[in-house]
Amino acid sequence: MEELRLLGTSTSFLLISAGLLGLVIGSFLNVVVYRLPVIMQRNWTQQARELLNQGEFKEGTIWLRKALLTNPNSVDAVRMMGDFNELIRSPNTVFWRERLVQLDPNSSTNQLLLARAATASRQFDVARQAL
């Protein structure tokens, strides 16, 4: 009760209390708005990796799509989607390899993966540009 009386009579106590409450709410919002989606995306990517390694392709791609919906710029998730599409010999492999090169343009490995996928799909212009 003493604190409530202080709030009414002391402006500085009121400002300090409001500031502390703002910090607590801001910290909570930081976790909910920023960190939680990052953690969820990381978990979904890991879940997808485990399922794809076990040969559970349908379930694995569901988790991978969730991860990409949360963060379409995730290099790890885009690389995994390219790997999966290459494994099933999908024509979409070139799209995912191009996306990977866009996200990580300094990686020669990614450029070689794109060239290989483009060559397999007979998209020789894309393969030439990748190299």
Protein backbone atom coordinates (compact mmCIF):
# COMPACT_ATOMS: atom_id res chain seq x y z
CA MET A 1 0.00 0.00 0.00
CA GLU A 2 2.89 2.31 0.69
CA GLU A 3 3.98 1.98 -2.98
CA LEU A 4 0.57 3.06 -4.23
CA ARG A 5 0.68 6.14 -2.04
CA LEU A 6 4.17 6.90 -3.36
CA LEU A 7 2.91 6.65 -6.96
CA GLY A 8 0.33 9.33 -6.25
CA THR A 9 2.65 11.70 -4.45
CA SER A 10 6.07 11.26 -6.03
CA THR A 11 6.51 12.07 -9.71
CA SER A 12 10.00 10.60 -9.84
CA PHE A 13 8.81 7.31 -8.34
CA LEU A 14 5.98 7.24 -10.89
CA LEU A 15 8.42 7.83 -13.78
CA ILE A 16 10.85 5.17 -12.53
CA SER A 17 8.01 2.67 -12.08
CA ALA A 18 6.65 3.42 -15.56
CA GLY A 19 10.15 3.07 -17.03
CA LEU A 20 10.71 -0.30 -15.36
CA LEU A 21 7.30 -1.52 -16.50
CA GLY A 22 8.16 -0.39 -20.05
CA LEU A 23 11.44 -2.30 -19.93
CA VAL A 24 9.68 -5.46 -18.80
CA ILE A 25 7.03 -5.17 -21.52
CA GLY A 26 9.68 -4.33 -24.14
CA SER A 27 11.74 -7.34 -23.16
CA PHE A 28 8.70 -9.59 -23.43
CA LEU A 29 7.80 -8.19 -26.85
CA ASN A 30 11.39 -8.67 -28.01
CA VAL A 31 11.10 -12.36 -27.21
CA VAL A 32 7.67 -12.77 -28.79
CA VAL A 33 8.15 -10.65 -31.91
CA TYR A 34 11.80 -11.28 -32.78
CA ARG A 35 13.34 -14.24 -31.01
CA LEU A 36 10.45 -16.69 -30.98
CA PRO A 37 10.11 -16.81 -34.81
CA VAL A 38 13.89 -17.26 -35.13
CA ILE A 39 13.84 -20.13 -32.65
CA MET A 40 10.82 -21.71 -34.35
CA GLN A 41 12.44 -21.43 -37.79
CA ARG A 42 15.65 -23.02 -36.49
CA ASN A 43 13.69 -25.87 -34.87
CA TRP A 44 11.62 -26.47 -38.01
CA THR A 45 14.75 -26.57 -40.16
CA GLN A 46 16.35 -29.09 -37.78
CA GLN A 47 13.17 -31.19 -37.75
CA ALA A 48 13.11 -31.15 -41.56
CA ARG A 49 16.78 -32.18 -41.72
CA GLU A 50 16.19 -35.15 -39.43
CA LEU A 51 13.10 -36.31 -41.33
CA LEU A 52 14.70 -35.94 -44.75
CA ASN A 53 17.76 -37.88 -43.57
CA GLN A 54 15.41 -40.66 -42.43
CA GLY A 55 13.72 -40.74 -45.84
CA GLU A 56 10.50 -39.18 -44.55
CA PHE A 57 10.25 -36.81 -47.51
CA LYS A 58 6.62 -35.74 -47.18
CA GLU A 59 6.91 -34.79 -43.51
CA GLY A 60 10.35 -33.30 -44.00
CA THR A 61 9.22 -30.97 -46.76
CA ILE A 62 6.26 -29.81 -44.66
CA TRP A 63 8.63 -28.70 -41.89
CA LEU A 64 10.99 -27.18 -44.43
CA ARG A 65 8.18 -25.16 -46.01
CA LYS A 66 7.17 -23.89 -42.58
CA ALA A 67 10.74 -22.77 -41.99
CA LEU A 68 10.83 -21.00 -45.35
CA LEU A 69 7.50 -19.29 -44.68
CA THR A 70 8.92 -17.93 -41.44
CA ASN A 71 12.19 -16.84 -43.06
CA PRO A 72 12.42 -17.06 -46.86
CA ASN A 73 16.02 -15.81 -46.63
CA SER A 74 17.28 -18.73 -44.55
CA VAL A 75 20.38 -19.97 -46.36
CA ASP A 76 20.21 -23.29 -44.53
CA ALA A 77 16.55 -23.93 -45.42
CA VAL A 78 17.04 -22.87 -49.06
CA ARG A 79 20.11 -25.14 -49.34
CA MET A 80 18.12 -28.06 -47.91
CA MET A 81 15.24 -27.41 -50.32
CA GLY A 82 17.74 -27.45 -53.19
CA ASP A 83 19.28 -30.67 -51.90
CA PHE A 84 15.87 -32.31 -51.62
CA ASN A 85 14.80 -31.21 -55.09
CA GLU A 86 18.06 -32.51 -56.51
CA LEU A 87 17.55 -35.82 -54.73
CA ILE A 88 14.14 -36.32 -56.34
CA ARG A 89 15.45 -34.94 -59.67
CA SER A 90 12.94 -32.11 -59.70
CA PRO A 91 13.18 -29.36 -62.32
CA ASN A 92 12.74 -26.92 -59.40
CA THR A 93 16.31 -27.67 -58.33
CA VAL A 94 17.62 -24.85 -60.52
CA PHE A 95 15.24 -22.37 -58.89
CA TRP A 96 16.42 -23.29 -55.39
CA ARG A 97 20.09 -23.28 -56.40
CA GLU A 98 19.67 -19.83 -57.98
CA ARG A 99 17.98 -18.61 -54.81
CA LEU A 100 20.88 -19.99 -52.77
CA VAL A 101 23.41 -18.13 -54.91
CA GLN A 102 21.37 -14.94 -54.48
CA LEU A 103 21.42 -15.33 -50.70
CA ASP A 104 25.07 -16.37 -50.46
CA PRO A 105 26.78 -15.06 -53.61
CA ASN A 106 30.36 -15.43 -52.34
CA SER A 107 30.17 -19.20 -51.98
CA SER A 108 31.86 -21.04 -54.83
CA THR A 109 30.22 -24.25 -53.59
CA ASN A 110 26.77 -22.74 -54.16
CA GLN A 111 27.77 -21.62 -57.65
CA LEU A 112 29.00 -25.12 -58.48
CA LEU A 113 25.76 -26.61 -57.17
CA LEU A 114 23.82 -24.24 -59.42
CA ALA A 115 25.98 -25.12 -62.43
CA ARG A 116 25.48 -28.84 -61.80
CA ALA A 117 21.72 -28.48 -61.44
CA ALA A 118 21.46 -26.29 -64.53
CA THR A 119 23.54 -28.72 -66.57
CA ALA A 120 21.37 -31.63 -65.44
CA SER A 121 18.29 -29.65 -66.53
CA ARG A 122 19.96 -28.70 -69.81
CA GLN A 123 19.89 -25.01 -68.92
CA PHE A 124 23.36 -24.39 -70.23
CA ASP A 125 23.13 -20.57 -70.18
CA VAL A 126 22.40 -20.64 -66.45
CA ALA A 127 25.27 -23.09 -65.88
CA ARG A 128 27.66 -20.86 -67.84
CA GLN A 129 26.63 -17.78 -65.83
CA ALA A 130 27.07 -19.66 -62.56
CA LEU A 131 30.65 -20.46 -63.43
